[in-house]
Amino acid sequence: MEYIEHLSKDKKLAAFINGPVHERIQPHKNIPVQLIGSIMSQQLSTKVADVIYKRFLALYNDKPPKPQQIIDTPNEMLRAIGLSNAKVNYVKNVAVFCMEHKVTDKKLHAMSNEDIIALLTQIKGVGKWTVEMLLMFALGREDVFSIDDYGVRSAMIKIYKLEKLDKKKLNERLLKISGKWSPYRTYGCLYCWHLKDNAPVVEKA
């Protein structure tokens, strides 16, 4: 629990730390499929996203599919599990990209956070926030700060009383504050989400 000791040095954040986080930040398998799951969950509640993802796996006998299997799946079948036309296209985009660029768990685990963001945000439908969530919850990276996440921003504005700052100054302050959380910025984000009682939600432009 080194992250608790480290983050507790931030006295304002420490007031909201009442034990370890419940989430397990550790690497998962089948990262490309995890990315597809992230695409499916965009703008949905966790409960609805879980239902759709289970329906998705059911198409492949409850086993994570290979990219080629997803490419070969008729669009109508993907729409039938609850995906919009746009999300069907994004899911296929991920599968095609992973095939063409040979994106594997081994390749991603060998890359830095910044390089993974640069690689995967080339995919239409995959933004920086989506990749940050992948880094945290699929790749198990402990030092990720998602500055554009609505829940994180809202919690930090409350904790550090930053209501009166304009966006540029606010971003500068958030980056400076989160820099002190390193190398455990992921856990800092988790405590912010717990404070807001929020699942990760991307901030709309």
Protein backbone atom coordinates (compact mmCIF):
# COMPACT_ATOMS: atom_id res chain seq x y z
CA MET A 1 0.00 0.00 0.00
CA GLU A 2 2.87 2.37 -0.76
CA TYR A 3 0.49 4.54 -2.76
CA ILE A 4 -1.52 5.40 0.37
CA GLU A 5 1.55 6.62 2.22
CA HIS A 6 2.74 8.60 -0.79
CA LEU A 7 -0.61 10.22 -1.63
CA SER A 8 -1.22 11.04 2.04
CA LYS A 9 1.66 13.51 1.84
CA ASP A 10 -0.88 15.67 0.00
CA LYS A 11 -2.76 16.85 3.07
CA LYS A 12 -5.83 18.01 1.17
CA LEU A 13 -6.18 14.71 -0.65
CA ALA A 14 -5.32 12.79 2.53
CA ALA A 15 -8.56 14.04 4.09
CA PHE A 16 -10.43 11.87 1.57
CA ILE A 17 -8.25 8.76 1.84
CA ASN A 18 -9.88 6.27 4.19
CA GLY A 19 -8.11 3.08 3.21
CA PRO A 20 -7.07 1.29 0.02
CA VAL A 21 -9.02 1.57 -3.22
CA HIS A 22 -11.17 -1.43 -4.12
CA GLU A 23 -10.10 -1.57 -7.76
CA ARG A 24 -7.18 -3.82 -8.64
CA ILE A 25 -4.72 -2.01 -10.88
CA GLN A 26 -3.03 -4.90 -12.63
CA PRO A 27 -2.39 -6.04 -16.22
CA HIS A 28 -5.14 -7.92 -18.05
CA LYS A 29 -4.98 -10.14 -21.09
CA ASN A 30 -6.43 -9.46 -24.56
CA ILE A 31 -5.78 -5.71 -24.49
CA PRO A 32 -7.24 -5.09 -27.99
CA VAL A 33 -10.54 -6.61 -26.80
CA GLN A 34 -10.33 -4.49 -23.64
CA LEU A 35 -10.02 -1.43 -25.88
CA ILE A 36 -13.12 -2.51 -27.77
CA GLY A 37 -14.90 -2.83 -24.43
CA SER A 38 -13.88 0.75 -23.62
CA ILE A 39 -15.31 1.94 -26.93
CA MET A 40 -18.59 0.18 -26.15
CA SER A 41 -18.82 1.80 -22.71
CA GLN A 42 -18.44 5.39 -23.93
CA GLN A 43 -21.29 7.63 -22.71
CA LEU A 44 -23.02 4.67 -21.01
CA SER A 45 -23.55 3.77 -17.37
CA THR A 46 -21.34 0.99 -16.04
CA LYS A 47 -24.38 -1.30 -15.70
CA VAL A 48 -25.52 -0.88 -19.31
CA ALA A 49 -21.96 -1.16 -20.61
CA ASP A 50 -21.47 -4.45 -18.75
CA VAL A 51 -24.64 -5.89 -20.29
CA ILE A 52 -23.57 -4.96 -23.82
CA TYR A 53 -20.07 -6.31 -23.31
CA LYS A 54 -21.45 -9.65 -22.07
CA ARG A 55 -23.67 -9.84 -25.14
CA PHE A 56 -20.61 -9.11 -27.28
CA LEU A 57 -18.61 -11.97 -25.75
CA ALA A 58 -21.62 -14.26 -26.12
CA LEU A 59 -21.29 -13.86 -29.90
CA TYR A 60 -17.97 -15.72 -29.59
CA ASN A 61 -18.94 -18.42 -27.09
CA ASP A 62 -17.96 -16.18 -24.16
CA LYS A 63 -14.32 -16.08 -25.23
CA PRO A 64 -12.41 -12.92 -26.19
CA PRO A 65 -12.46 -12.85 -30.00
CA LYS A 66 -9.49 -12.37 -32.28
CA PRO A 67 -9.49 -9.18 -34.38
CA GLN A 68 -10.23 -11.17 -37.52
CA GLN A 69 -13.32 -12.70 -35.90
CA ILE A 70 -14.63 -9.22 -35.13
CA ILE A 71 -13.94 -8.03 -38.67
CA ASP A 72 -15.87 -11.03 -40.00
CA THR A 73 -18.87 -10.41 -37.74
CA PRO A 74 -21.80 -8.87 -39.68
CA ASN A 75 -22.60 -5.31 -38.62
CA GLU A 76 -26.21 -6.34 -38.02
CA MET A 77 -25.12 -8.78 -35.31
CA LEU A 78 -23.14 -6.06 -33.53
CA ARG A 79 -26.04 -3.63 -33.74
CA ALA A 80 -28.34 -6.30 -32.33
CA ILE A 81 -26.40 -6.38 -29.02
CA GLY A 82 -27.10 -2.68 -28.49
CA LEU A 83 -24.33 -0.86 -30.34
CA SER A 84 -25.02 2.26 -32.41
CA ASN A 85 -23.92 2.40 -36.03
CA ALA A 86 -21.04 4.67 -35.02
CA LYS A 87 -19.84 2.28 -32.32
CA VAL A 88 -20.04 -0.68 -34.69
CA ASN A 89 -17.73 1.20 -37.03
CA TYR A 90 -15.37 2.13 -34.18
CA VAL A 91 -15.21 -1.48 -32.99
CA LYS A 92 -14.34 -2.62 -36.49
CA ASN A 93 -11.77 0.20 -36.77
CA VAL A 94 -10.00 -1.10 -33.66
CA ALA A 95 -9.96 -4.67 -34.99
CA VAL A 96 -8.59 -3.62 -38.38
CA PHE A 97 -5.96 -1.36 -36.80
CA CYS A 98 -4.79 -4.09 -34.42
CA MET A 99 -4.46 -6.51 -37.33
CA GLU A 100 -2.56 -4.07 -39.53
CA HIS A 101 -0.24 -2.80 -36.79
CA LYS A 102 0.18 -6.16 -35.07
CA VAL A 103 -1.05 -4.77 -31.75
CA THR A 104 -0.57 -7.45 -29.10
CA ASP A 105 -0.41 -7.55 -25.31
CA LYS A 106 3.34 -8.10 -25.49
CA LYS A 107 3.87 -5.12 -27.78
CA LEU A 108 1.77 -2.78 -25.61
CA HIS A 109 3.37 -3.85 -22.33
CA ALA A 110 6.77 -2.97 -23.78
CA MET A 111 5.68 0.57 -24.68
CA SER A 112 5.54 3.77 -22.61
CA ASN A 113 2.23 5.42 -21.73
CA GLU A 114 2.92 8.27 -24.15
CA ASP A 115 3.76 5.93 -27.03
CA ILE A 116 0.61 3.87 -26.44
CA ILE A 117 -1.53 7.02 -26.49
CA ALA A 118 0.17 8.17 -29.71
CA LEU A 119 -0.37 4.76 -31.33
CA LEU A 120 -3.96 4.05 -30.38
CA THR A 121 -5.39 7.55 -30.84
CA GLN A 122 -4.70 7.10 -34.55
CA ILE A 123 -7.81 4.89 -34.57
CA LYS A 124 -11.00 6.78 -35.47
CA GLY A 125 -13.28 6.64 -32.44
CA VAL A 126 -10.44 6.27 -29.92
CA GLY A 127 -9.58 9.41 -27.99
CA LYS A 128 -6.94 10.14 -25.40
CA TRP A 129 -9.34 9.58 -22.50
CA THR A 130 -10.26 6.11 -23.78
CA VAL A 131 -6.59 5.14 -23.97
CA GLU A 132 -5.94 6.55 -20.49
CA MET A 133 -8.68 4.30 -19.11
CA LEU A 134 -7.08 1.39 -20.97
CA LEU A 135 -3.70 2.23 -19.45
CA MET A 136 -5.19 2.24 -15.97
CA PHE A 137 -7.63 -0.63 -16.02
CA ALA A 138 -6.26 -3.02 -18.66
CA LEU A 139 -2.53 -2.41 -18.71
CA GLY A 140 -2.28 -1.81 -14.97
CA ARG A 141 -0.28 1.40 -15.22
CA GLU A 142 -0.13 3.09 -11.81
CA ASP A 143 1.01 6.55 -12.91
CA VAL A 144 -1.70 7.85 -15.28
CA PHE A 145 -3.46 11.19 -14.82
CA SER A 146 -6.60 11.80 -16.87
CA ILE A 147 -6.90 15.58 -16.88
CA ASP A 148 -9.96 15.62 -19.17
CA ASP A 149 -12.02 13.24 -17.06
CA TYR A 150 -15.05 15.06 -15.70
CA GLY A 151 -15.10 13.22 -12.38
CA VAL A 152 -11.41 13.80 -11.70
CA ARG A 153 -11.64 17.50 -12.56
CA SER A 154 -14.78 18.05 -10.49
CA ALA A 155 -13.32 16.32 -7.45
CA MET A 156 -10.03 18.22 -7.65
CA ILE A 157 -11.83 21.55 -8.04
CA LYS A 158 -13.69 20.75 -4.83
CA ILE A 159 -10.71 19.37 -2.88
CA TYR A 160 -8.35 22.20 -3.78
CA LYS A 161 -10.97 24.99 -4.04
CA LEU A 162 -10.16 25.89 -7.65
CA GLU A 163 -13.61 27.15 -8.71
CA LYS A 164 -12.50 30.63 -9.75
CA LEU A 165 -9.72 29.64 -12.17
CA ASP A 166 -10.14 29.89 -15.94
CA LYS A 167 -9.55 26.72 -17.95
CA LYS A 168 -5.89 27.39 -18.78
CA LYS A 169 -4.93 28.21 -15.21
CA LEU A 170 -7.05 25.34 -13.93
CA ASN A 171 -5.23 22.86 -16.16
CA GLU A 172 -1.87 24.21 -14.99
CA ARG A 173 -2.89 23.77 -11.36
CA LEU A 174 -4.29 20.27 -11.93
CA LEU A 175 -1.08 19.15 -13.63
CA LYS A 176 1.05 20.67 -10.86
CA ILE A 177 -1.01 19.03 -8.12
CA SER A 178 -1.13 15.64 -9.83
CA GLY A 179 2.61 15.80 -10.45
CA LYS A 180 3.09 15.44 -6.69
CA TRP A 181 1.04 12.22 -6.79
CA SER A 182 3.51 10.57 -9.17
CA PRO A 183 4.34 7.66 -9.41
CA TYR A 184 0.81 6.81 -8.20
CA ARG A 185 -1.38 9.22 -10.15
CA THR A 186 -3.79 6.44 -11.16
CA TYR A 187 -4.69 5.93 -7.49
CA GLY A 188 -5.11 9.67 -7.08
CA CYS A 189 -7.68 9.57 -9.87
CA LEU A 190 -9.43 6.65 -8.19
CA TYR A 191 -9.80 8.58 -4.94
CA CYS A 192 -11.22 11.50 -6.92
CA TRP A 193 -13.79 9.22 -8.56
CA HIS A 194 -14.74 7.80 -5.17
CA LEU A 195 -15.24 11.31 -3.83
CA LYS A 196 -17.55 12.16 -6.72
CA ASP A 197 -19.19 8.70 -6.55
CA ASN A 198 -18.63 8.72 -10.29
CA ALA A 199 -17.69 6.16 -12.88
CA PRO A 200 -15.10 7.66 -15.27
CA VAL A 201 -16.89 10.03 -17.65
CA VAL A 202 -15.14 11.98 -20.37
CA GLU A 203 -15.55 15.75 -20.29
CA LYS A 204 -17.46 16.98 -23.32
CA ALA A 205 -15.89 19.77 -25.34
